[in-house]
Amino acid sequence: TCVTLGILSSTGSLLSLLTMTSLSVYRCHSLQHLFSSRIVTRTTAVWMVVLSATMVTVSLGVSVIPVIPLYEDYFLNGIHYPHIPLFLGSPSLTQHTRIVKAYYGRLSMFRGHIHPTPHRSLTWRMIRKLVGDMFT
């Protein structure tokens, strides 16, 4: 799916970036120690494995965290509804909230567990529920 391809693409790009940075740092270190011995020890091998594992973990973390539903309010820019033309041109949370407020009237009239206050705005999960209720 699109999400999987996005994760793979982001992970590959981040791995490339981190690898090039690591190689540049290693090259600078090598230039400082130009005439020292070049014996690869067990400690050096362990450092390489740890560094590689860290780069893969960081790359996967940065790529996967934005698609976890718990964090969608921080990373999601908008929702597209293929068969609902009402939301064309309004991809942001603010624009969705305006449309939902106009449809439902005052926010205190929301039913169920969806009760936004002035200090707490609608989340994408609430928007999905309310939009689903609009068209059922």
N, C-alpha and C. Protein backbone atom coordinates (compact mmCIF):
# COMPACT_ATOMS: atom_id res chain seq x y z
N THR A 1 0.84 -1.19 0.00
CA THR A 1 0.00 0.00 0.00
C THR A 1 0.88 1.24 0.00
N CYS A 2 0.24 2.36 0.00
CA CYS A 2 0.93 3.64 -0.03
C CYS A 2 1.75 3.86 1.24
N VAL A 3 1.18 3.47 2.37
CA VAL A 3 1.88 3.66 3.65
C VAL A 3 3.17 2.83 3.68
N THR A 4 3.09 1.59 3.22
CA THR A 4 4.27 0.72 3.22
C THR A 4 5.36 1.28 2.31
N LEU A 5 4.97 1.74 1.14
CA LEU A 5 5.94 2.35 0.22
C LEU A 5 6.55 3.61 0.80
N GLY A 6 5.74 4.39 1.50
CA GLY A 6 6.25 5.59 2.15
C GLY A 6 7.26 5.27 3.24
N ILE A 7 6.96 4.23 4.03
CA ILE A 7 7.88 3.81 5.09
C ILE A 7 9.19 3.32 4.49
N LEU A 8 9.10 2.49 3.44
CA LEU A 8 10.31 1.99 2.79
C LEU A 8 11.14 3.12 2.19
N SER A 9 10.48 4.05 1.54
CA SER A 9 11.18 5.18 0.92
C SER A 9 11.86 6.04 1.97
N SER A 10 11.13 6.36 3.03
CA SER A 10 11.70 7.19 4.09
C SER A 10 12.86 6.49 4.79
N THR A 11 12.70 5.19 5.05
CA THR A 11 13.76 4.44 5.71
C THR A 11 15.01 4.40 4.84
N GLY A 12 14.84 4.16 3.56
CA GLY A 12 15.99 4.15 2.65
C GLY A 12 16.69 5.49 2.58
N SER A 13 15.93 6.57 2.51
CA SER A 13 16.53 7.90 2.46
C SER A 13 17.27 8.22 3.76
N LEU A 14 16.67 7.89 4.88
CA LEU A 14 17.31 8.16 6.17
C LEU A 14 18.56 7.31 6.36
N LEU A 15 18.50 6.05 5.95
CA LEU A 15 19.69 5.20 6.04
C LEU A 15 20.82 5.76 5.19
N SER A 16 20.49 6.22 4.01
CA SER A 16 21.50 6.83 3.13
C SER A 16 22.11 8.06 3.79
N LEU A 17 21.26 8.92 4.34
CA LEU A 17 21.74 10.14 4.99
C LEU A 17 22.63 9.81 6.19
N LEU A 18 22.18 8.90 7.05
CA LEU A 18 22.97 8.55 8.24
C LEU A 18 24.27 7.84 7.87
N THR A 19 24.24 7.02 6.83
CA THR A 19 25.45 6.33 6.40
C THR A 19 26.48 7.32 5.86
N MET A 20 26.04 8.25 5.04
CA MET A 20 26.96 9.25 4.50
C MET A 20 27.54 10.12 5.61
N THR A 21 26.72 10.46 6.60
CA THR A 21 27.21 11.25 7.73
C THR A 21 28.26 10.46 8.51
N SER A 22 27.97 9.19 8.75
CA SER A 22 28.92 8.34 9.48
C SER A 22 30.23 8.19 8.72
N LEU A 23 30.14 7.99 7.42
CA LEU A 23 31.35 7.86 6.61
C LEU A 23 32.17 9.15 6.62
N SER A 24 31.49 10.29 6.60
CA SER A 24 32.20 11.58 6.65
C SER A 24 32.91 11.76 7.98
N VAL A 25 32.23 11.41 9.07
CA VAL A 25 32.85 11.52 10.39
C VAL A 25 34.04 10.56 10.48
N TYR A 26 33.88 9.35 9.97
CA TYR A 26 34.98 8.38 9.99
C TYR A 26 36.16 8.89 9.17
N ARG A 27 35.87 9.49 8.04
CA ARG A 27 36.95 10.02 7.18
C ARG A 27 37.70 11.14 7.89
N CYS A 28 36.99 12.03 8.57
CA CYS A 28 37.65 13.10 9.33
C CYS A 28 38.51 12.51 10.44
N HIS A 29 38.01 11.50 11.11
CA HIS A 29 38.78 10.83 12.16
C HIS A 29 40.02 10.16 11.58
N SER A 30 39.87 9.55 10.42
CA SER A 30 41.01 8.88 9.77
C SER A 30 42.09 9.87 9.36
N LEU A 31 41.69 11.04 8.92
CA LEU A 31 42.67 12.05 8.53
C LEU A 31 43.47 12.56 9.73
N GLN A 32 42.82 12.60 10.89
CA GLN A 32 43.52 13.03 12.09
C GLN A 32 44.53 11.98 12.54
N HIS A 33 44.24 10.74 12.31
CA HIS A 33 45.10 9.64 12.73
C HIS A 33 45.69 8.94 11.50
N LEU A 34 46.29 9.72 10.64
CA LEU A 34 46.74 9.24 9.35
C LEU A 34 47.83 8.17 9.45
N PHE A 35 48.74 8.31 10.37
CA PHE A 35 49.87 7.39 10.44
C PHE A 35 49.74 6.34 11.55
N SER A 36 48.57 6.21 12.15
CA SER A 36 48.40 5.18 13.18
C SER A 36 48.12 3.84 12.51
N SER A 37 48.23 2.78 13.29
CA SER A 37 48.02 1.44 12.71
C SER A 37 46.55 1.23 12.34
N ARG A 38 46.29 0.40 11.38
CA ARG A 38 44.95 0.15 10.86
C ARG A 38 44.46 -1.25 11.21
N ILE A 39 44.72 -1.72 12.38
CA ILE A 39 44.31 -3.06 12.78
C ILE A 39 42.86 -3.00 13.25
N VAL A 40 42.04 -3.87 12.70
CA VAL A 40 40.64 -3.96 13.09
C VAL A 40 40.54 -4.91 14.28
N THR A 41 40.10 -4.35 15.39
CA THR A 41 39.99 -5.16 16.61
C THR A 41 38.54 -5.58 16.80
N ARG A 42 38.33 -6.43 17.78
CA ARG A 42 36.96 -6.86 18.12
C ARG A 42 36.12 -5.66 18.57
N THR A 43 36.75 -4.74 19.31
CA THR A 43 36.04 -3.54 19.77
C THR A 43 35.56 -2.71 18.58
N THR A 44 36.41 -2.56 17.57
CA THR A 44 36.01 -1.82 16.38
C THR A 44 34.85 -2.50 15.67
N ALA A 45 34.90 -3.81 15.58
CA ALA A 45 33.81 -4.55 14.93
C ALA A 45 32.51 -4.40 15.71
N VAL A 46 32.58 -4.45 17.03
CA VAL A 46 31.37 -4.27 17.85
C VAL A 46 30.81 -2.86 17.66
N TRP A 47 31.69 -1.85 17.63
CA TRP A 47 31.23 -0.49 17.39
C TRP A 47 30.54 -0.36 16.04
N MET A 48 31.05 -1.00 15.03
CA MET A 48 30.43 -0.95 13.70
C MET A 48 29.04 -1.59 13.71
N VAL A 49 28.91 -2.72 14.39
CA VAL A 49 27.61 -3.40 14.47
C VAL A 49 26.61 -2.54 15.26
N VAL A 50 27.06 -1.98 16.37
CA VAL A 50 26.19 -1.12 17.18
C VAL A 50 25.77 0.11 16.39
N LEU A 51 26.72 0.73 15.70
CA LEU A 51 26.41 1.90 14.89
C LEU A 51 25.42 1.57 13.77
N SER A 52 25.62 0.45 13.11
CA SER A 52 24.71 0.04 12.04
C SER A 52 23.32 -0.24 12.58
N ALA A 53 23.24 -0.95 13.69
CA ALA A 53 21.93 -1.26 14.30
C ALA A 53 21.23 0.02 14.75
N THR A 54 22.00 0.95 15.28
CA THR A 54 21.41 2.23 15.71
C THR A 54 20.87 3.00 14.52
N MET A 55 21.61 3.02 13.42
CA MET A 55 21.14 3.74 12.23
C MET A 55 19.86 3.12 11.68
N VAL A 56 19.79 1.80 11.63
CA VAL A 56 18.58 1.13 11.14
C VAL A 56 17.41 1.40 12.08
N THR A 57 17.64 1.33 13.38
CA THR A 57 16.58 1.56 14.35
C THR A 57 16.04 2.99 14.28
N VAL A 58 16.94 3.95 14.21
CA VAL A 58 16.53 5.35 14.12
C VAL A 58 15.76 5.60 12.82
N SER A 59 16.25 5.06 11.72
CA SER A 59 15.57 5.24 10.43
C SER A 59 14.17 4.64 10.45
N LEU A 60 14.05 3.43 10.96
CA LEU A 60 12.72 2.80 11.04
C LEU A 60 11.81 3.56 11.99
N GLY A 61 12.35 4.01 13.12
CA GLY A 61 11.54 4.76 14.08
C GLY A 61 10.99 6.04 13.49
N VAL A 62 11.85 6.79 12.83
CA VAL A 62 11.42 8.05 12.23
C VAL A 62 10.42 7.81 11.09
N SER A 63 10.53 6.69 10.42
CA SER A 63 9.63 6.38 9.31
C SER A 63 8.28 5.82 9.78
N VAL A 64 8.28 5.06 10.86
CA VAL A 64 7.07 4.36 11.29
C VAL A 64 6.23 5.18 12.27
N ILE A 65 6.86 5.95 13.13
CA ILE A 65 6.11 6.68 14.17
C ILE A 65 5.00 7.57 13.59
N PRO A 66 5.21 8.30 12.49
CA PRO A 66 4.12 9.14 11.98
C PRO A 66 2.88 8.39 11.51
N VAL A 67 2.97 7.10 11.21
CA VAL A 67 1.79 6.37 10.73
C VAL A 67 1.08 5.61 11.85
N ILE A 68 1.56 5.70 13.07
CA ILE A 68 0.88 5.07 14.21
C ILE A 68 -0.34 5.91 14.55
N PRO A 69 -1.53 5.29 14.64
CA PRO A 69 -2.76 6.07 14.88
C PRO A 69 -2.72 6.95 16.13
N LEU A 70 -1.99 6.56 17.14
CA LEU A 70 -1.90 7.35 18.37
C LEU A 70 -1.32 8.74 18.11
N TYR A 71 -0.44 8.86 17.13
CA TYR A 71 0.23 10.13 16.85
C TYR A 71 -0.32 10.85 15.63
N GLU A 72 -1.48 10.46 15.14
CA GLU A 72 -1.97 11.05 13.90
C GLU A 72 -2.29 12.53 14.04
N ASP A 73 -2.66 13.00 15.22
CA ASP A 73 -2.96 14.43 15.38
C ASP A 73 -1.71 15.30 15.23
N TYR A 74 -0.53 14.73 15.44
CA TYR A 74 0.71 15.48 15.30
C TYR A 74 1.26 15.44 13.88
N PHE A 75 0.99 14.35 13.15
CA PHE A 75 1.63 14.16 11.84
C PHE A 75 0.67 14.22 10.66
N LEU A 76 -0.61 13.98 10.86
CA LEU A 76 -1.56 13.93 9.75
C LEU A 76 -1.91 15.34 9.31
N ASN A 77 -1.81 15.60 8.01
CA ASN A 77 -2.11 16.92 7.48
C ASN A 77 -3.56 17.05 7.04
N GLY A 78 -4.16 15.97 6.61
CA GLY A 78 -5.53 16.04 6.13
C GLY A 78 -6.06 14.68 5.75
N ILE A 79 -7.37 14.64 5.52
CA ILE A 79 -8.04 13.40 5.13
C ILE A 79 -8.77 13.67 3.82
N HIS A 80 -8.74 12.70 2.93
CA HIS A 80 -9.45 12.80 1.66
C HIS A 80 -10.56 11.77 1.65
N TYR A 81 -11.76 12.19 1.28
CA TYR A 81 -12.90 11.27 1.17
C TYR A 81 -13.23 11.15 -0.31
N PRO A 82 -12.97 9.99 -0.92
CA PRO A 82 -13.10 9.87 -2.38
C PRO A 82 -14.48 10.18 -2.93
N HIS A 83 -15.55 9.86 -2.22
CA HIS A 83 -16.89 10.01 -2.79
C HIS A 83 -17.71 11.10 -2.10
N ILE A 84 -17.05 11.98 -1.34
CA ILE A 84 -17.75 13.05 -0.65
C ILE A 84 -17.17 14.39 -1.11
N PRO A 85 -17.82 15.07 -2.04
CA PRO A 85 -17.26 16.32 -2.57
C PRO A 85 -17.34 17.49 -1.59
N LEU A 86 -18.04 17.33 -0.47
CA LEU A 86 -18.18 18.41 0.50
C LEU A 86 -16.83 18.87 1.05
N PHE A 87 -15.88 17.96 1.16
CA PHE A 87 -14.61 18.28 1.78
C PHE A 87 -13.49 18.58 0.78
N LEU A 88 -13.80 18.72 -0.48
CA LEU A 88 -12.76 19.09 -1.46
C LEU A 88 -12.25 20.49 -1.14
N GLY A 89 -10.97 20.66 -1.16
CA GLY A 89 -10.38 21.95 -0.87
C GLY A 89 -10.30 22.28 0.61
N SER A 90 -10.58 21.31 1.47
CA SER A 90 -10.50 21.56 2.91
C SER A 90 -9.77 20.41 3.59
N PRO A 91 -8.49 20.26 3.31
CA PRO A 91 -7.78 19.11 3.85
C PRO A 91 -7.30 19.26 5.29
N SER A 92 -7.28 20.46 5.83
CA SER A 92 -6.68 20.64 7.16
C SER A 92 -7.69 20.37 8.27
N LEU A 93 -7.18 20.18 9.47
CA LEU A 93 -8.02 19.93 10.64
C LEU A 93 -8.90 21.14 10.93
N THR A 94 -8.35 22.33 10.77
CA THR A 94 -9.12 23.55 11.03
C THR A 94 -10.30 23.66 10.08
N GLN A 95 -10.08 23.39 8.79
CA GLN A 95 -11.16 23.48 7.82
C GLN A 95 -12.20 22.39 8.03
N HIS A 96 -11.75 21.18 8.39
CA HIS A 96 -12.70 20.11 8.72
C HIS A 96 -13.55 20.50 9.92
N THR A 97 -12.91 21.09 10.93
CA THR A 97 -13.64 21.49 12.13
C THR A 97 -14.70 22.52 11.80
N ARG A 98 -14.38 23.48 10.94
CA ARG A 98 -15.38 24.48 10.54
C ARG A 98 -16.59 23.84 9.86
N ILE A 99 -16.34 22.89 8.97
CA ILE A 99 -17.44 22.22 8.27
C ILE A 99 -18.29 21.42 9.25
N VAL A 100 -17.63 20.69 10.14
CA VAL A 100 -18.36 19.87 11.11
C VAL A 100 -19.17 20.75 12.06
N LYS A 101 -18.59 21.88 12.52
CA LYS A 101 -19.31 22.80 13.39
C LYS A 101 -20.54 23.36 12.67
N ALA A 102 -20.37 23.71 11.41
CA ALA A 102 -21.51 24.24 10.64
C ALA A 102 -22.61 23.19 10.48
N TYR A 103 -22.22 21.94 10.32
CA TYR A 103 -23.21 20.88 10.15
C TYR A 103 -23.94 20.57 11.46
N TYR A 104 -23.19 20.45 12.53
CA TYR A 104 -23.78 20.04 13.80
C TYR A 104 -24.26 21.20 14.65
N GLY A 105 -23.95 22.41 14.31
CA GLY A 105 -24.35 23.54 15.14
C GLY A 105 -23.34 23.76 16.25
N ARG A 106 -23.84 24.10 17.44
CA ARG A 106 -22.93 24.34 18.56
C ARG A 106 -22.27 23.05 19.01
N LEU A 107 -21.02 23.15 19.44
CA LEU A 107 -20.26 21.96 19.82
C LEU A 107 -20.84 21.25 21.03
N SER A 108 -21.58 21.95 21.87
CA SER A 108 -22.15 21.30 23.05
C SER A 108 -23.25 20.31 22.66
N MET A 109 -23.72 20.38 21.42
CA MET A 109 -24.78 19.49 20.97
C MET A 109 -24.23 18.17 20.44
N PHE A 110 -22.90 17.99 20.42
CA PHE A 110 -22.32 16.74 19.95
C PHE A 110 -22.74 15.62 20.88
N ARG A 111 -23.06 14.49 20.29
CA ARG A 111 -23.48 13.37 21.12
C ARG A 111 -22.32 12.42 21.36
N GLY A 112 -22.47 11.55 22.33
CA GLY A 112 -21.44 10.56 22.60
C GLY A 112 -20.29 11.16 23.39
N HIS A 113 -19.10 10.65 23.16
CA HIS A 113 -17.92 11.07 23.90
C HIS A 113 -17.20 12.25 23.27
N ILE A 114 -17.79 12.83 22.26
CA ILE A 114 -17.12 13.91 21.54
C ILE A 114 -17.61 15.25 22.07
N HIS A 115 -16.87 15.80 23.00
CA HIS A 115 -17.21 17.08 23.59
C HIS A 115 -15.98 17.98 23.62
N PRO A 116 -15.66 18.63 22.50
CA PRO A 116 -14.51 19.52 22.53
C PRO A 116 -14.80 20.74 23.40
N THR A 117 -13.81 21.23 24.04
CA THR A 117 -13.92 22.44 24.85
C THR A 117 -13.05 23.50 24.21
N PRO A 118 -13.11 24.74 24.70
CA PRO A 118 -12.23 25.76 24.12
C PRO A 118 -10.75 25.40 24.25
N HIS A 119 -10.40 24.59 25.26
CA HIS A 119 -9.01 24.21 25.46
C HIS A 119 -8.62 22.96 24.69
N ARG A 120 -9.61 22.24 24.17
CA ARG A 120 -9.32 20.99 23.47
C ARG A 120 -10.07 20.98 22.14
N SER A 121 -9.34 20.92 21.04
CA SER A 121 -9.99 20.93 19.74
C SER A 121 -10.35 19.52 19.30
N LEU A 122 -11.01 19.42 18.17
CA LEU A 122 -11.36 18.11 17.63
C LEU A 122 -10.09 17.39 17.16
N THR A 123 -10.08 16.09 17.33
CA THR A 123 -8.97 15.28 16.82
C THR A 123 -9.42 14.65 15.51
N TRP A 124 -8.46 14.07 14.78
CA TRP A 124 -8.81 13.41 13.52
C TRP A 124 -9.74 12.23 13.77
N ARG A 125 -9.58 11.54 14.88
CA ARG A 125 -10.46 10.42 15.21
C ARG A 125 -11.90 10.91 15.39
N MET A 126 -12.06 12.05 16.09
CA MET A 126 -13.39 12.64 16.27
C MET A 126 -13.96 13.08 14.92
N ILE A 127 -13.13 13.69 14.09
CA ILE A 127 -13.59 14.14 12.76
C ILE A 127 -14.10 12.96 11.95
N ARG A 128 -13.35 11.85 11.93
CA ARG A 128 -13.79 10.67 11.18
C ARG A 128 -15.15 10.17 11.67
N LYS A 129 -15.34 10.13 12.98
CA LYS A 129 -16.60 9.66 13.56
C LYS A 129 -17.74 10.60 13.16
N LEU A 130 -17.51 11.89 13.29
CA LEU A 130 -18.56 12.86 12.97
C LEU A 130 -18.89 12.88 11.49
N VAL A 131 -17.89 12.79 10.64
CA VAL A 131 -18.14 12.75 9.20
C VAL A 131 -18.87 11.47 8.83
N GLY A 132 -18.51 10.36 9.46
CA GLY A 132 -19.22 9.10 9.23
C GLY A 132 -20.68 9.21 9.62
N ASP A 133 -20.96 9.90 10.73
CA ASP A 133 -22.33 10.09 11.16
C ASP A 133 -23.10 11.04 10.24
N MET A 134 -22.39 11.95 9.59
CA MET A 134 -23.06 12.89 8.68
C MET A 134 -23.64 12.18 7.46
N PHE A 135 -23.00 11.10 7.04
CA PHE A 135 -23.40 10.46 5.78
C PHE A 135 -23.95 9.06 5.97
N THR A 136 -24.56 8.78 7.12
CA THR A 136 -25.18 7.48 7.32
C THR A 136 -26.68 7.60 7.34
